[in-house]
């Protein structure tokens, strides 16, 4: 049996902050406190966007690398979180939503 769910993808940079706290930490805390089933943070090695390029250098120094936070859960659980996610992310990234089927 398949279930229709939402896949919320958040694209930011590792060093992005709001009020002195890293965005990815704030997002994960929000998701955990909301009882979301789970989330994964993916680290990118290269990327660019409206705020320029973000690259991970492999010579031992991590520069402001791209991060993708992916969350899959029911629409009823994720939709109420969208205003707070937008507040946290602001102009630092992008939040996208796709309907997916989970088996």
C-alpha atoms as a PDB file:
ATOM      1  CA  UNK A   1       0.000   0.000   0.000  1.00  0.00           C
ATOM      2  CA  UNK A   2       1.309   3.451  -0.857  1.00  0.00           C
ATOM      3  CA  UNK A   3       0.724   6.643   1.098  1.00  0.00           C
ATOM      4  CA  UNK A   4       0.767  10.167  -0.322  1.00  0.00           C
ATOM      5  CA  UNK A   5       3.131  12.371   1.694  1.00  0.00           C
ATOM      6  CA  UNK A   6       5.106  15.595   1.389  1.00  0.00           C
ATOM      7  CA  UNK A   7       8.817  15.829   0.701  1.00  0.00           C
ATOM      8  CA  UNK A   8      10.046  19.198   1.988  1.00  0.00           C
ATOM      9  CA  UNK A   9      13.542  20.095   0.802  1.00  0.00           C
ATOM     10  CA  UNK A  10      15.452  23.003   2.321  1.00  0.00           C
ATOM     11  CA  UNK A  11      18.589  24.346   0.624  1.00  0.00           C
ATOM     12  CA  UNK A  12      20.946  26.504   2.692  1.00  0.00           C
ATOM     13  CA  UNK A  13      24.656  26.933   3.396  1.00  0.00           C
ATOM     14  CA  UNK A  14      26.371  25.374   6.405  1.00  0.00           C
ATOM     15  CA  UNK A  15      27.461  28.678   7.946  1.00  0.00           C
ATOM     16  CA  UNK A  16      24.084  30.441   7.611  1.00  0.00           C
ATOM     17  CA  UNK A  17      22.858  31.800  10.949  1.00  0.00           C
ATOM     18  CA  UNK A  18      19.839  33.438  12.556  1.00  0.00           C
ATOM     19  CA  UNK A  19      20.351  35.219  15.878  1.00  0.00           C
ATOM     20  CA  UNK A  20      23.774  33.596  16.291  1.00  0.00           C
ATOM     21  CA  UNK A  21      22.531  30.023  15.740  1.00  0.00           C
ATOM     22  CA  UNK A  22      23.159  27.860  12.687  1.00  0.00           C
ATOM     23  CA  UNK A  23      20.084  27.503  10.482  1.00  0.00           C
ATOM     24  CA  UNK A  24      20.408  23.740  10.126  1.00  0.00           C
ATOM     25  CA  UNK A  25      20.353  23.366  13.928  1.00  0.00           C
ATOM     26  CA  UNK A  26      17.276  25.611  14.216  1.00  0.00           C
ATOM     27  CA  UNK A  27      15.487  23.664  11.462  1.00  0.00           C
ATOM     28  CA  UNK A  28      16.291  20.282  13.021  1.00  0.00           C
ATOM     29  CA  UNK A  29      15.154  21.492  16.452  1.00  0.00           C
ATOM     30  CA  UNK A  30      11.859  22.708  14.948  1.00  0.00           C
ATOM     31  CA  UNK A  31      11.292  19.373  13.207  1.00  0.00           C
ATOM     32  CA  UNK A  32      12.112  17.296  16.290  1.00  0.00           C
ATOM     33  CA  UNK A  33       9.896  19.431  18.550  1.00  0.00           C
ATOM     34  CA  UNK A  34       7.030  19.123  16.040  1.00  0.00           C
ATOM     35  CA  UNK A  35       7.254  15.327  16.147  1.00  0.00           C
ATOM     36  CA  UNK A  36       8.212  14.924  12.498  1.00  0.00           C
ATOM     37  CA  UNK A  37       9.035  11.308  11.624  1.00  0.00           C
ATOM     38  CA  UNK A  38      12.589  12.104  10.492  1.00  0.00           C
ATOM     39  CA  UNK A  39      14.908  14.337   8.500  1.00  0.00           C
ATOM     40  CA  UNK A  40      18.261  14.021   6.790  1.00  0.00           C
ATOM     41  CA  UNK A  41      20.918  16.667   6.228  1.00  0.00           C
ATOM     42  CA  UNK A  42      22.911  16.149   3.038  1.00  0.00           C
ATOM     43  CA  UNK A  43      26.238  17.906   2.567  1.00  0.00           C
ATOM     44  CA  UNK A  44      27.072  19.165  -0.888  1.00  0.00           C
ATOM     45  CA  UNK A  45      30.514  19.611  -2.353  1.00  0.00           C
ATOM     46  CA  UNK A  46      29.721  22.473  -4.695  1.00  0.00           C
ATOM     47  CA  UNK A  47      26.850  24.755  -5.517  1.00  0.00           C
ATOM     48  CA  UNK A  48      25.746  28.250  -6.455  1.00  0.00           C
ATOM     49  CA  UNK A  49      22.673  30.405  -6.112  1.00  0.00           C
ATOM     50  CA  UNK A  50      21.576  33.982  -5.802  1.00  0.00           C
ATOM     51  CA  UNK A  51      24.098  34.517  -2.964  1.00  0.00           C
ATOM     52  CA  UNK A  52      26.995  33.175  -4.997  1.00  0.00           C
ATOM     53  CA  UNK A  53      29.063  30.013  -4.973  1.00  0.00           C
ATOM     54  CA  UNK A  54      29.491  27.607  -2.053  1.00  0.00           C
ATOM     55  CA  UNK A  55      32.231  25.011  -2.178  1.00  0.00           C
ATOM     56  CA  UNK A  56      33.729  22.391   0.119  1.00  0.00           C
ATOM     57  CA  UNK A  57      37.505  22.320  -0.244  1.00  0.00           C
ATOM     58  CA  UNK A  58      38.966  18.899   0.434  1.00  0.00           C
ATOM     59  CA  UNK A  59      42.366  20.163   1.574  1.00  0.00           C
ATOM     60  CA  UNK A  60      41.173  19.919   5.172  1.00  0.00           C
ATOM     61  CA  UNK A  61      39.353  23.228   5.340  1.00  0.00           C
ATOM     62  CA  UNK A  62      35.575  23.229   5.110  1.00  0.00           C
ATOM     63  CA  UNK A  63      34.252  26.372   3.492  1.00  0.00           C
ATOM     64  CA  UNK A  64      30.618  27.447   3.501  1.00  0.00           C
ATOM     65  CA  UNK A  65      29.350  24.260   1.837  1.00  0.00           C
ATOM     66  CA  UNK A  66      25.791  23.705   0.617  1.00  0.00           C
ATOM     67  CA  UNK A  67      23.400  21.728   2.827  1.00  0.00           C
ATOM     68  CA  UNK A  68      20.134  20.081   1.887  1.00  0.00           C
ATOM     69  CA  UNK A  69      17.688  19.141   4.626  1.00  0.00           C
ATOM     70  CA  UNK A  70      15.111  16.626   3.420  1.00  0.00           C
ATOM     71  CA  UNK A  71      11.965  15.808   5.365  1.00  0.00           C
ATOM     72  CA  UNK A  72       9.230  13.351   4.399  1.00  0.00           C
ATOM     73  CA  UNK A  73       6.037  13.172   6.439  1.00  0.00           C
ATOM     74  CA  UNK A  74       2.305  13.731   6.173  1.00  0.00           C
ATOM     75  CA  UNK A  75       1.090  17.041   4.767  1.00  0.00           C
ATOM     76  CA  UNK A  76      -0.963  17.620   7.929  1.00  0.00           C
ATOM     77  CA  UNK A  77       2.213  17.530  10.013  1.00  0.00           C
ATOM     78  CA  UNK A  78       4.468  19.573   7.703  1.00  0.00           C
ATOM     79  CA  UNK A  79       2.149  22.269   6.366  1.00  0.00           C
ATOM     80  CA  UNK A  80       1.733  24.040   9.750  1.00  0.00           C
ATOM     81  CA  UNK A  81       5.551  24.275  10.004  1.00  0.00           C
ATOM     82  CA  UNK A  82       5.975  26.205   6.736  1.00  0.00           C
ATOM     83  CA  UNK A  83       5.597  29.741   8.202  1.00  0.00           C
ATOM     84  CA  UNK A  84       8.236  29.021  10.872  1.00  0.00           C
ATOM     85  CA  UNK A  85      10.544  27.369   8.330  1.00  0.00           C
ATOM     86  CA  UNK A  86      10.228  30.446   6.099  1.00  0.00           C
ATOM     87  CA  UNK A  87      10.997  32.708   9.078  1.00  0.00           C
ATOM     88  CA  UNK A  88      14.111  30.680   9.945  1.00  0.00           C
ATOM     89  CA  UNK A  89      15.367  30.374   6.354  1.00  0.00           C
ATOM     90  CA  UNK A  90      14.399  33.900   5.250  1.00  0.00           C
ATOM     91  CA  UNK A  91      16.418  34.928   2.203  1.00  0.00           C
ATOM     92  CA  UNK A  92      19.247  32.510   3.054  1.00  0.00           C
ATOM     93  CA  UNK A  93      17.863  29.585   1.093  1.00  0.00           C
ATOM     94  CA  UNK A  94      14.902  27.972  -0.546  1.00  0.00           C
ATOM     95  CA  UNK A  95      12.174  25.632   0.681  1.00  0.00           C
ATOM     96  CA  UNK A  96      10.506  23.381  -1.891  1.00  0.00           C
ATOM     97  CA  UNK A  97       7.649  20.885  -1.543  1.00  0.00           C
ATOM     98  CA  UNK A  98       6.828  17.825  -3.605  1.00  0.00           C
ATOM     99  CA  UNK A  99       4.080  15.274  -3.176  1.00  0.00           C
ATOM    100  CA  UNK A 100       5.582  11.810  -3.014  1.00  0.00           C
ATOM    101  CA  UNK A 101       4.297   8.281  -2.516  1.00  0.00           C
ATOM    102  CA  UNK A 102       5.835   6.182   0.231  1.00  0.00           C
ATOM    103  CA  UNK A 103       5.494   2.402   0.121  1.00  0.00           C
END
